[in-house]
């Protein structure tokens, strides 16, 4: 009887833990390489303060992500045309749908995002430039 109760508690704990884990593409161990959809920041955000305290500048190569540390340098590749740039994470974003990153207007232009300001992208965090490594 005692083993059955302990087993039930362990199974319940494992099940609860498993349900609370983030999706594989967003897990910290997978942060080095992520794929998903990116979108351009809205024009209405020009001049607003980002999480880092900087004002949003559409001419800068900056981006927002939910889990990548502020100050990190991230190579963003448009998977539809293979164009790549490096952006600096200066803002945090909440998860909204399939969007994994918001990027500045300049980044959208240089990556040649399609109509609607969205594109499927690959993100590669440059480990030597993450905020945590400084």
Protein backbone atom coordinates (compact mmCIF):
# COMPACT_ATOMS: atom_id res chain seq x y z
CA UNK A 1 0.00 0.00 0.00
CA UNK A 2 2.84 2.40 0.89
CA UNK A 3 4.62 1.77 -2.45
CA UNK A 4 1.40 2.44 -4.34
CA UNK A 5 0.94 5.84 -2.64
CA UNK A 6 4.55 6.83 -3.24
CA UNK A 7 4.32 5.75 -6.89
CA UNK A 8 1.11 7.72 -7.36
CA UNK A 9 2.72 10.84 -5.86
CA UNK A 10 5.82 10.47 -8.05
CA UNK A 11 3.73 9.96 -11.18
CA UNK A 12 1.56 12.98 -10.32
CA UNK A 13 4.64 15.14 -9.69
CA UNK A 14 6.28 14.07 -12.97
CA UNK A 15 3.07 14.64 -14.90
CA UNK A 16 2.63 18.14 -13.43
CA UNK A 17 6.27 19.01 -14.13
CA UNK A 18 5.99 17.75 -17.70
CA UNK A 19 2.89 19.87 -18.33
CA UNK A 20 4.67 23.00 -17.10
CA UNK A 21 7.71 22.66 -19.38
CA UNK A 22 7.97 25.22 -22.19
CA UNK A 23 7.73 24.16 -25.82
CA UNK A 24 10.95 22.70 -27.25
CA UNK A 25 11.57 25.64 -29.57
CA UNK A 26 11.47 28.02 -26.62
CA UNK A 27 13.31 25.99 -24.00
CA UNK A 28 16.48 27.58 -22.58
CA UNK A 29 18.58 24.62 -23.75
CA UNK A 30 17.37 25.26 -27.31
CA UNK A 31 17.89 29.03 -27.24
CA UNK A 32 20.99 28.78 -29.40
CA UNK A 33 18.82 27.96 -32.45
CA UNK A 34 15.14 28.74 -32.83
CA UNK A 35 12.83 28.84 -35.82
CA UNK A 36 9.45 30.48 -36.14
CA UNK A 37 7.78 33.59 -37.41
CA UNK A 38 9.08 37.11 -36.80
CA UNK A 39 7.17 40.35 -37.23
CA UNK A 40 8.01 44.03 -37.62
CA UNK A 41 7.43 46.32 -34.65
CA UNK A 42 4.37 48.48 -35.20
CA UNK A 43 4.95 52.10 -36.22
CA UNK A 44 2.86 53.19 -33.23
CA UNK A 45 5.75 52.07 -30.96
CA UNK A 46 8.31 54.54 -32.37
CA UNK A 47 9.82 56.46 -29.46
CA UNK A 48 8.28 54.24 -26.77
CA UNK A 49 10.65 52.88 -24.13
CA UNK A 50 11.78 49.28 -24.49
CA UNK A 51 12.46 46.95 -21.56
CA UNK A 52 16.13 47.97 -21.69
CA UNK A 53 15.16 51.62 -21.21
CA UNK A 54 16.11 52.62 -24.76
CA UNK A 55 13.50 54.24 -26.96
CA UNK A 56 12.38 52.18 -29.95
CA UNK A 57 14.28 53.42 -33.00
CA UNK A 58 13.03 51.95 -36.29
CA UNK A 59 16.44 52.64 -37.92
CA UNK A 60 18.40 50.52 -35.40
CA UNK A 61 19.02 46.77 -35.74
CA UNK A 62 17.16 45.75 -32.59
CA UNK A 63 14.59 43.14 -31.60
CA UNK A 64 12.35 41.83 -28.84
CA UNK A 65 12.19 38.25 -27.62
CA UNK A 66 10.53 36.62 -24.64
CA UNK A 67 13.45 34.57 -23.30
CA UNK A 68 16.72 35.64 -24.91
CA UNK A 69 18.57 37.95 -22.47
CA UNK A 70 18.68 41.69 -23.07
CA UNK A 71 21.90 42.77 -24.78
CA UNK A 72 22.30 39.47 -26.64
CA UNK A 73 23.34 39.53 -30.28
CA UNK A 74 21.20 37.27 -32.44
CA UNK A 75 21.70 36.31 -36.07
CA UNK A 76 18.31 36.38 -37.79
CA UNK A 77 17.95 34.56 -41.11
CA UNK A 78 14.89 34.93 -43.32
CA UNK A 79 14.24 31.32 -44.36
CA UNK A 80 12.33 32.44 -47.44
CA UNK A 81 15.28 34.28 -49.06
CA UNK A 82 18.33 33.31 -46.93
CA UNK A 83 19.15 36.95 -46.02
CA UNK A 84 20.75 37.36 -42.58
CA UNK A 85 21.55 40.19 -40.17
CA UNK A 86 22.57 40.48 -36.52
CA UNK A 87 20.24 42.30 -34.13
CA UNK A 88 20.61 43.26 -30.47
CA UNK A 89 17.85 42.22 -28.07
CA UNK A 90 16.73 45.40 -26.30
CA UNK A 91 13.15 44.49 -25.46
CA UNK A 92 11.07 41.64 -24.08
CA UNK A 93 7.83 40.47 -25.61
CA UNK A 94 5.00 38.29 -24.49
CA UNK A 95 4.09 35.28 -26.56
CA UNK A 96 1.45 36.10 -29.16
CA UNK A 97 0.50 33.35 -31.54
CA UNK A 98 3.28 32.00 -33.74
CA UNK A 99 5.44 35.13 -33.47
CA UNK A 100 8.77 34.36 -31.72
CA UNK A 101 10.45 37.74 -32.28
CA UNK A 102 9.58 41.34 -33.10
CA UNK A 103 12.23 43.21 -35.10
CA UNK A 104 12.82 46.85 -35.99
CA UNK A 105 11.68 48.31 -39.29
CA UNK A 106 15.29 48.42 -40.52
CA UNK A 107 15.69 44.71 -39.76
CA UNK A 108 12.45 43.99 -41.66
CA UNK A 109 13.72 45.97 -44.64
CA UNK A 110 17.18 44.36 -44.67
CA UNK A 111 15.70 40.88 -44.35
CA UNK A 112 13.09 41.67 -47.03
CA UNK A 113 10.07 40.56 -45.00
CA UNK A 114 7.01 39.82 -47.09
CA UNK A 115 3.65 41.56 -47.17
CA UNK A 116 2.20 42.06 -43.72
CA UNK A 117 5.67 42.49 -42.21
CA UNK A 118 6.17 38.84 -41.26
CA UNK A 119 8.59 36.11 -42.27
CA UNK A 120 9.67 32.62 -41.19
CA UNK A 121 13.08 33.00 -39.57
CA UNK A 122 15.89 31.10 -37.89
CA UNK A 123 17.45 32.70 -34.80
CA UNK A 124 20.98 31.91 -33.71
CA UNK A 125 22.11 33.43 -30.42
CA UNK A 126 25.77 34.37 -30.55
CA UNK A 127 27.01 32.92 -27.23
CA UNK A 128 30.02 35.21 -26.90
CA UNK A 129 27.71 38.23 -27.00
CA UNK A 130 24.93 37.25 -24.62
CA UNK A 131 24.31 39.55 -21.71
CA UNK A 132 24.89 36.63 -19.33
CA UNK A 133 28.47 36.11 -20.57
CA UNK A 134 29.61 39.67 -19.72
